[in-house]
Protein backbone atom coordinates (compact mmCIF):
# COMPACT_ATOMS: atom_id res chain seq x y z
CA UNK A 1 53.32 146.03 92.29
CA UNK A 2 51.87 142.40 93.69
CA UNK A 3 48.59 140.88 93.96
CA UNK A 4 47.56 140.65 98.03
CA UNK A 5 45.22 138.80 99.93
CA UNK A 6 44.31 140.29 103.13
CA UNK A 7 42.66 138.01 105.90
CA UNK A 8 39.90 139.66 107.99
CA UNK A 9 40.45 137.99 111.89
CA UNK A 10 37.16 139.66 112.76
CA UNK A 11 35.53 138.04 109.72
CA UNK A 12 36.97 134.85 110.89
CA UNK A 13 35.79 135.39 114.67
CA UNK A 14 32.13 136.33 113.17
CA UNK A 15 31.84 133.22 111.26
CA UNK A 16 33.03 131.01 114.42
CA UNK A 17 30.29 132.85 115.94
CA UNK A 18 27.69 132.25 113.74
CA UNK A 19 28.38 128.16 113.35
CA UNK A 20 28.09 128.25 117.70
CA UNK A 21 24.84 130.13 117.54
CA UNK A 22 23.43 127.91 114.73
CA UNK A 23 24.33 124.60 116.96
CA UNK A 24 25.13 125.39 120.21
CA UNK A 25 24.84 122.17 121.81
CA UNK A 26 27.63 120.94 119.70
CA UNK A 27 31.40 121.05 119.46
CA UNK A 28 33.11 122.60 116.74
CA UNK A 29 35.65 120.20 114.81
CA UNK A 30 36.57 123.17 112.20
CA UNK A 31 38.44 122.49 108.73
CA UNK A 32 41.73 123.85 108.41
CA UNK A 33 43.05 121.55 105.84
CA UNK A 34 44.28 122.41 102.36
CA UNK A 35 46.38 125.60 104.74
CA UNK A 36 43.11 126.64 106.25
CA UNK A 37 41.25 126.51 102.68
CA UNK A 38 43.96 128.71 100.98
CA UNK A 39 43.76 131.33 103.83
CA UNK A 40 47.16 130.05 105.23
CA UNK A 41 47.29 128.51 108.80
CA UNK A 42 49.54 131.29 109.61
CA UNK A 43 46.30 133.84 109.63
CA UNK A 44 43.77 132.10 110.78
CA UNK A 45 44.22 132.49 114.48
CA UNK A 46 40.55 132.88 115.38
CA UNK A 47 39.68 129.80 114.43
CA UNK A 48 42.56 127.64 116.12
CA UNK A 49 42.13 129.73 119.09
CA UNK A 50 38.56 129.42 119.48
CA UNK A 51 37.55 125.87 118.03
CA UNK A 52 37.10 122.58 120.24
CA UNK A 53 39.20 120.45 117.54
CA UNK A 54 40.69 121.17 114.49
CA UNK A 55 40.79 118.82 111.48
CA UNK A 56 43.27 118.03 108.74
CA UNK A 57 43.49 116.02 105.75
CA UNK A 58 47.01 114.74 105.94
CA UNK A 59 50.03 114.07 108.29
CA UNK A 60 51.97 116.91 107.07
CA UNK A 61 49.05 119.46 107.72
CA UNK A 62 49.21 118.15 111.27
CA UNK A 63 52.96 118.57 111.42
CA UNK A 64 52.36 122.39 110.61
CA UNK A 65 49.37 122.96 112.65
CA UNK A 66 51.21 120.96 115.86
CA UNK A 67 53.37 123.98 115.61
CA UNK A 68 50.57 126.28 116.54
CA UNK A 69 48.68 125.00 118.43
CA UNK A 70 48.31 122.41 121.47
CA UNK A 71 44.46 121.90 120.36
CA UNK A 72 43.27 118.21 119.66
CA UNK A 73 43.65 117.76 115.61
CA UNK A 74 41.99 115.40 113.68
CA UNK A 75 43.57 113.33 110.76
CA UNK A 76 40.88 112.43 108.26
CA UNK A 77 42.64 110.58 106.40
CA UNK A 78 43.93 108.33 108.81
CA UNK A 79 47.02 105.98 108.83
CA UNK A 80 47.97 103.43 106.93
CA UNK A 81 51.25 102.25 107.82
CA UNK A 82 53.23 101.89 111.45
CA UNK A 83 55.24 104.72 110.49
CA UNK A 84 52.36 106.91 110.14
CA UNK A 85 50.42 105.57 113.38
CA UNK A 86 53.76 106.86 115.31
CA UNK A 87 53.99 109.79 113.76
CA UNK A 88 50.33 110.51 114.50
CA UNK A 89 50.76 109.62 118.05
CA UNK A 90 53.73 111.45 118.07
CA UNK A 91 51.49 114.46 117.36
CA UNK A 92 48.88 113.51 119.93
CA UNK A 93 46.33 113.19 116.21
CA UNK A 94 42.76 111.56 116.77
CA UNK A 95 42.89 109.58 113.69
CA UNK A 96 39.74 108.54 111.40
CA UNK A 97 39.46 105.05 110.75
CA UNK A 98 37.73 104.46 107.43
CA UNK A 99 38.97 101.88 105.87
CA UNK A 100 39.20 97.89 106.59
CA UNK A 101 42.50 97.54 106.53
CA UNK A 102 43.13 100.57 109.47
CA UNK A 103 41.21 98.58 112.07
CA UNK A 104 44.08 96.17 112.56
CA UNK A 105 46.72 98.78 112.19
CA UNK A 106 44.99 100.71 115.05
CA UNK A 107 43.97 97.73 117.18
CA UNK A 108 48.16 97.53 117.26
CA UNK A 109 48.65 100.38 119.01
CA UNK A 110 50.88 100.33 122.02
CA UNK A 111 49.84 103.89 122.88
CA UNK A 112 46.66 105.29 124.02
CA UNK A 113 45.10 106.53 120.70
CA UNK A 114 41.67 108.53 119.77
CA UNK A 115 39.75 107.07 116.71
CA UNK A 116 36.74 108.59 115.25
CA UNK A 117 35.14 105.63 112.90
CA UNK A 118 33.90 106.93 109.45
CA UNK A 119 30.59 105.21 108.03
CA UNK A 120 29.87 105.15 104.36
CA UNK A 121 26.30 106.24 104.64
CA UNK A 122 25.91 106.99 101.06
CA UNK A 123 28.43 109.36 99.53
CA UNK A 124 30.39 105.84 98.48
CA UNK A 125 33.73 107.76 98.79
CA UNK A 126 35.56 106.79 102.39
CA UNK A 127 33.95 105.17 105.03
CA UNK A 128 33.32 101.30 106.51
CA UNK A 129 30.29 99.78 105.22
CA UNK A 130 27.68 98.65 107.75
CA UNK A 131 29.51 95.24 108.56
CA UNK A 132 32.62 96.95 108.62
CA UNK A 133 31.49 99.38 111.16
CA UNK A 134 30.05 96.64 113.37
CA UNK A 135 33.44 94.44 113.32
CA UNK A 136 35.58 97.77 114.15
CA UNK A 137 33.35 98.32 117.08
CA UNK A 138 33.52 94.98 118.19
CA UNK A 139 37.90 95.02 117.33
CA UNK A 140 38.16 98.36 119.50
CA UNK A 141 35.13 97.46 122.17
CA UNK A 142 37.87 95.78 124.88
CA UNK A 143 41.00 97.66 123.47
CA UNK A 144 41.92 99.70 126.65
CA UNK A 145 44.33 101.92 124.45
CA UNK A 146 41.70 102.86 121.87
CA UNK A 147 39.18 105.40 122.67
CA UNK A 148 36.45 105.48 120.13
CA UNK A 149 35.79 109.56 120.50
CA UNK A 150 33.05 109.61 117.91
CA UNK A 151 31.37 107.85 115.04
CA UNK A 152 30.78 110.19 111.54
CA UNK A 153 29.50 110.32 108.01
CA UNK A 154 29.58 112.72 105.29
CA UNK A 155 27.03 114.40 102.88
CA UNK A 156 27.27 114.19 99.49
CA UNK A 157 24.36 116.47 98.85
CA UNK A 158 24.08 118.67 101.51
CA UNK A 159 24.55 121.90 99.47
CA UNK A 160 20.96 120.98 97.81
CA UNK A 161 19.08 121.23 100.39
CA UNK A 162 15.85 119.17 99.31
CA UNK A 163 18.01 116.02 97.42
CA UNK A 164 16.71 113.09 98.78
CA UNK A 165 19.69 111.90 99.31
CA UNK A 166 20.44 113.82 102.39
CA UNK A 167 17.38 112.27 104.29
CA UNK A 168 18.50 108.36 103.12
CA UNK A 169 22.06 109.18 104.73
CA UNK A 170 20.79 110.55 107.55
CA UNK A 171 18.34 107.76 108.46
CA UNK A 172 20.88 105.35 107.46
CA UNK A 173 23.55 106.96 110.04
CA UNK A 174 20.66 107.15 113.16
CA UNK A 175 20.05 103.32 112.11
CA UNK A 176 23.62 102.51 112.49
CA UNK A 177 24.25 104.75 115.53
CA UNK A 178 22.60 105.67 118.79
CA UNK A 179 23.62 108.37 121.62
CA UNK A 180 25.27 105.55 123.56
CA UNK A 181 28.64 107.10 121.39
CA UNK A 182 29.21 110.73 120.24
CA UNK A 183 28.49 111.26 117.00
CA UNK A 184 29.26 113.77 113.68
CA UNK A 185 27.41 114.30 110.70
CA UNK A 186 27.10 118.02 109.42
CA UNK A 187 29.07 119.94 107.51
CA UNK A 188 28.86 123.75 106.74
CA UNK A 189 25.83 123.12 104.48
CA UNK A 190 24.04 120.74 106.97
CA UNK A 191 24.96 123.27 110.01
CA UNK A 192 22.80 125.96 107.61
CA UNK A 193 19.92 123.63 106.80
CA UNK A 194 19.44 120.54 108.50
CA UNK A 195 18.84 120.56 112.19
CA UNK A 196 18.85 116.96 112.54
CA UNK A 197 22.03 116.55 111.60
CA UNK A 198 23.46 118.42 114.56
CA UNK A 199 24.35 115.72 117.20
CA UNK A 200 27.73 116.12 118.72
CA UNK A 201 30.40 117.61 116.91
CA UNK A 202 29.83 119.84 113.45
CA UNK A 203 32.43 120.34 110.90
CA UNK A 204 32.46 123.75 109.59
CA UNK A 205 34.95 124.40 107.18
CA UNK A 206 34.02 126.71 103.63
CA UNK A 207 31.23 128.95 106.32
CA UNK A 208 34.16 129.79 108.20
CA UNK A 209 35.77 131.48 105.50
CA UNK A 210 32.53 133.47 104.74
CA UNK A 211 31.59 131.35 101.64
CA UNK A 212 28.31 129.48 101.20
CA UNK A 213 28.00 126.15 100.19
CA UNK A 214 25.31 126.91 98.21
CA UNK A 215 26.84 129.58 95.94
CA UNK A 216 25.05 132.12 96.95
CA UNK A 217 25.47 135.23 99.30
CA UNK A 218 25.01 134.31 102.86
CA UNK A 219 24.00 137.53 104.67
CA UNK A 220 24.71 135.76 108.55
CA UNK A 221 28.45 135.41 107.09
CA UNK A 222 31.34 137.56 106.65
CA UNK A 223 34.02 137.53 103.61
CA UNK A 224 37.57 136.52 105.15
CA UNK A 225 39.89 136.98 102.29
CA UNK A 226 39.87 139.70 100.05
CA UNK A 227 42.04 139.30 96.99
CA UNK A 228 43.25 142.83 95.15
CA UNK A 229 45.30 144.01 92.40
CA UNK A 230 46.45 146.92 90.87
CA UNK A 231 45.82 148.62 87.67
CA UNK A 232 49.26 148.75 85.92
CA UNK A 233 47.76 150.55 82.94
CA UNK A 234 45.02 152.41 81.19
CA UNK A 235 44.50 152.82 77.63
CA UNK A 236 41.83 153.95 75.09
CA UNK A 237 40.84 151.45 72.54
CA UNK A 238 39.12 151.96 69.11
CA UNK A 239 35.89 150.30 67.64
CA UNK A 240 36.73 146.85 66.13
CA UNK A 241 39.76 146.71 68.25
CA UNK A 242 40.37 143.36 70.45
CA UNK A 243 42.03 142.74 73.57
CA UNK A 244 43.72 139.47 74.95
CA UNK A 245 44.86 136.30 73.93
CA UNK A 246 42.53 135.06 71.16
CA UNK A 247 41.03 137.96 70.38
CA UNK A 248 37.41 136.72 72.47
CA UNK A 249 36.37 140.78 73.17
CA UNK A 250 35.86 143.37 70.83
CA UNK A 251 35.33 146.83 71.15
CA UNK A 252 32.00 147.70 69.68
CA UNK A 253 33.04 151.66 70.43
CA UNK A 254 35.80 153.38 71.83
CA UNK A 255 36.72 152.23 75.07
CA UNK A 256 38.67 152.71 77.81
CA UNK A 257 40.33 149.81 79.66
CA UNK A 258 42.42 149.26 82.70
CA UNK A 259 45.24 146.39 83.03
CA UNK A 260 45.17 144.87 86.49
CA UNK A 261 48.28 142.81 87.98
CA UNK A 262 46.86 139.76 88.32
CA UNK A 263 46.22 136.05 86.19
CA UNK A 264 45.82 132.64 86.34
CA UNK A 265 49.10 132.54 87.55
CA UNK A 266 48.11 134.49 90.93
CA UNK A 267 44.93 131.98 91.11
CA UNK A 268 42.65 134.37 89.68
CA UNK A 269 40.04 131.49 87.42
CA UNK A 270 41.60 131.36 83.93
CA UNK A 271 37.98 130.40 82.97
CA UNK A 272 36.14 134.06 83.90
CA UNK A 273 33.84 135.14 81.53
CA UNK A 274 33.72 138.35 79.38
CA UNK A 275 31.57 140.59 82.14
CA UNK A 276 32.81 138.91 85.44
CA UNK A 277 32.91 141.97 87.82
CA UNK A 278 35.28 143.30 89.25
CA UNK A 279 35.42 146.44 91.88
CA UNK A 280 37.30 149.25 91.08
CA UNK A 281 36.83 152.50 93.35
CA UNK A 282 33.33 151.19 94.94
CA UNK A 283 31.92 150.48 90.99
CA UNK A 284 31.82 147.24 89.56
CA UNK A 285 33.11 146.96 86.06
CA UNK A 286 33.44 143.81 83.78
CA UNK A 287 36.29 141.97 82.75
CA UNK A 288 37.17 142.11 78.99
CA UNK A 289 39.33 139.22 77.16
CA UNK A 290 40.43 136.11 77.98
CA UNK A 291 42.42 135.99 81.42
CA UNK A 292 46.31 135.52 81.16
CA UNK A 293 48.98 134.02 83.57
CA UNK A 294 49.99 137.62 84.86
CA UNK A 295 47.34 140.24 83.75
CA UNK A 296 43.39 140.68 83.39
CA UNK A 297 41.59 143.60 81.09
CA UNK A 298 38.40 145.58 82.35
CA UNK A 299 35.90 147.93 80.62
CA UNK A 300 36.50 151.39 82.83
CA UNK A 301 33.98 153.66 80.27
CA UNK A 302 31.90 153.85 83.89
CA UNK A 303 34.09 154.88 86.53
CA UNK A 304 36.92 157.30 87.12
CA UNK A 305 40.35 155.32 87.71
CA UNK A 306 44.28 155.99 87.34
CA UNK A 307 47.39 153.64 87.54
CA UNK A 308 48.00 152.31 90.78
CA UNK A 309 44.52 152.26 91.80
CA UNK A 310 43.68 148.93 93.88
CA UNK A 311 41.19 146.64 92.30
CA UNK A 312 38.97 143.85 94.45
CA UNK A 313 38.66 140.73 92.64
CA UNK A 314 36.95 139.22 95.60
CA UNK A 315 35.81 139.46 99.25
CA UNK A 316 34.40 142.79 99.47
CA UNK A 317 30.72 143.85 100.51
CA UNK A 318 29.85 144.53 96.69
CA UNK A 319 31.98 141.74 95.37
CA UNK A 320 31.67 138.04 96.98
CA UNK A 321 33.72 134.80 96.05
CA UNK A 322 30.82 133.10 95.08
CA UNK A 323 29.70 136.00 92.50
CA UNK A 324 32.94 135.31 90.63
CA UNK A 325 32.80 131.46 90.92
CA UNK A 326 29.36 131.48 89.10
CA UNK A 327 30.82 133.65 86.17
CA UNK A 328 33.54 131.33 85.92
CA UNK A 329 31.94 128.10 86.33
CA UNK A 330 33.48 126.60 89.23
CA UNK A 331 32.91 126.81 93.38
CA UNK A 332 34.48 129.26 95.78
CA UNK A 333 36.03 126.37 97.59
CA UNK A 334 38.47 126.47 94.11
CA UNK A 335 39.18 130.30 94.13
CA UNK A 336 40.03 130.64 97.60
CA UNK A 337 42.22 127.27 98.00
CA UNK A 338 43.45 128.08 94.45
CA UNK A 339 45.36 131.57 95.25
CA UNK A 340 49.28 130.99 94.67
CA UNK A 341 52.47 131.67 96.66
CA UNK A 342 53.05 134.52 93.88
CA UNK A 343 50.20 136.48 95.90
CA UNK A 344 51.20 138.29 99.19
CA UNK A 345 49.17 137.19 102.39
CA UNK A 346 48.34 139.78 105.34
CA UNK A 347 46.58 139.98 108.22
CA UNK A 348 43.68 142.51 108.97
CA UNK A 349 41.72 142.97 111.92
């Protein structure tokens, strides 16, 4: 019996609709990098069909996505060589320019290409500095083969609503740009919390998959991935007996436990603490003992269960990925992108 990830098409459609309602005046660039945040490109048709543009990180991702759609694809990493430029052109990608060396490369194009110029407004990761941005605009201004589609930047702390960096970055962006060119700043967190960041394009990512960028349950989003696994064994242990590697949990009374067929080899977080909830027959039960590669154990004293019952690890109305992430000292992004190829994926309505 195998662990399963069910991908809800209705939840995907609902979440995309929630984005449109939040920013009705903006076009939507949906993030489908990292195999649609671990949800598999082959299983996220509502996003692919209904978004205005789609964004990936690498050329290899663009190649897989182009096999499914003729929608515009935004290549977030841009290109670094003539070979990569030619590949991007062949795939009909828009490319991000975020590094000074990329400016000269793009300027040498022999075919028409759409570019998005990325400015570093304070995250200090990828992006042109202010003087480099002005150089880029000048370099492309009279090049009839280079279409500047948009100018973009990226928030460092949008998931912390009151962080002062958000305002300083937005001010920097507004000082460097104006509405003579299309602009983009808002990721999922900004879409949900900062109306001043909603320019011509918004770039939703994690919220499309029903996970809050703030690490809390969002009532207007629906979970897309339901991760489940079967109970493989049920047993009773006695007072003083321990469970799992390292004996990190010891029974203080006679306890009924269930052993479930999922572990860190499937992408369930190894650092999930004792007490992390799972959902069995509609009831929450606590994880006990250390997560192993193939198995976890839970206390089922409070419920009735049997071998073969299906356990939800996250993704139903009682147990969100955000909750499991909190118990595991991580974020929902890491959980869904980390589900391994050993898990069976399927599409559900």
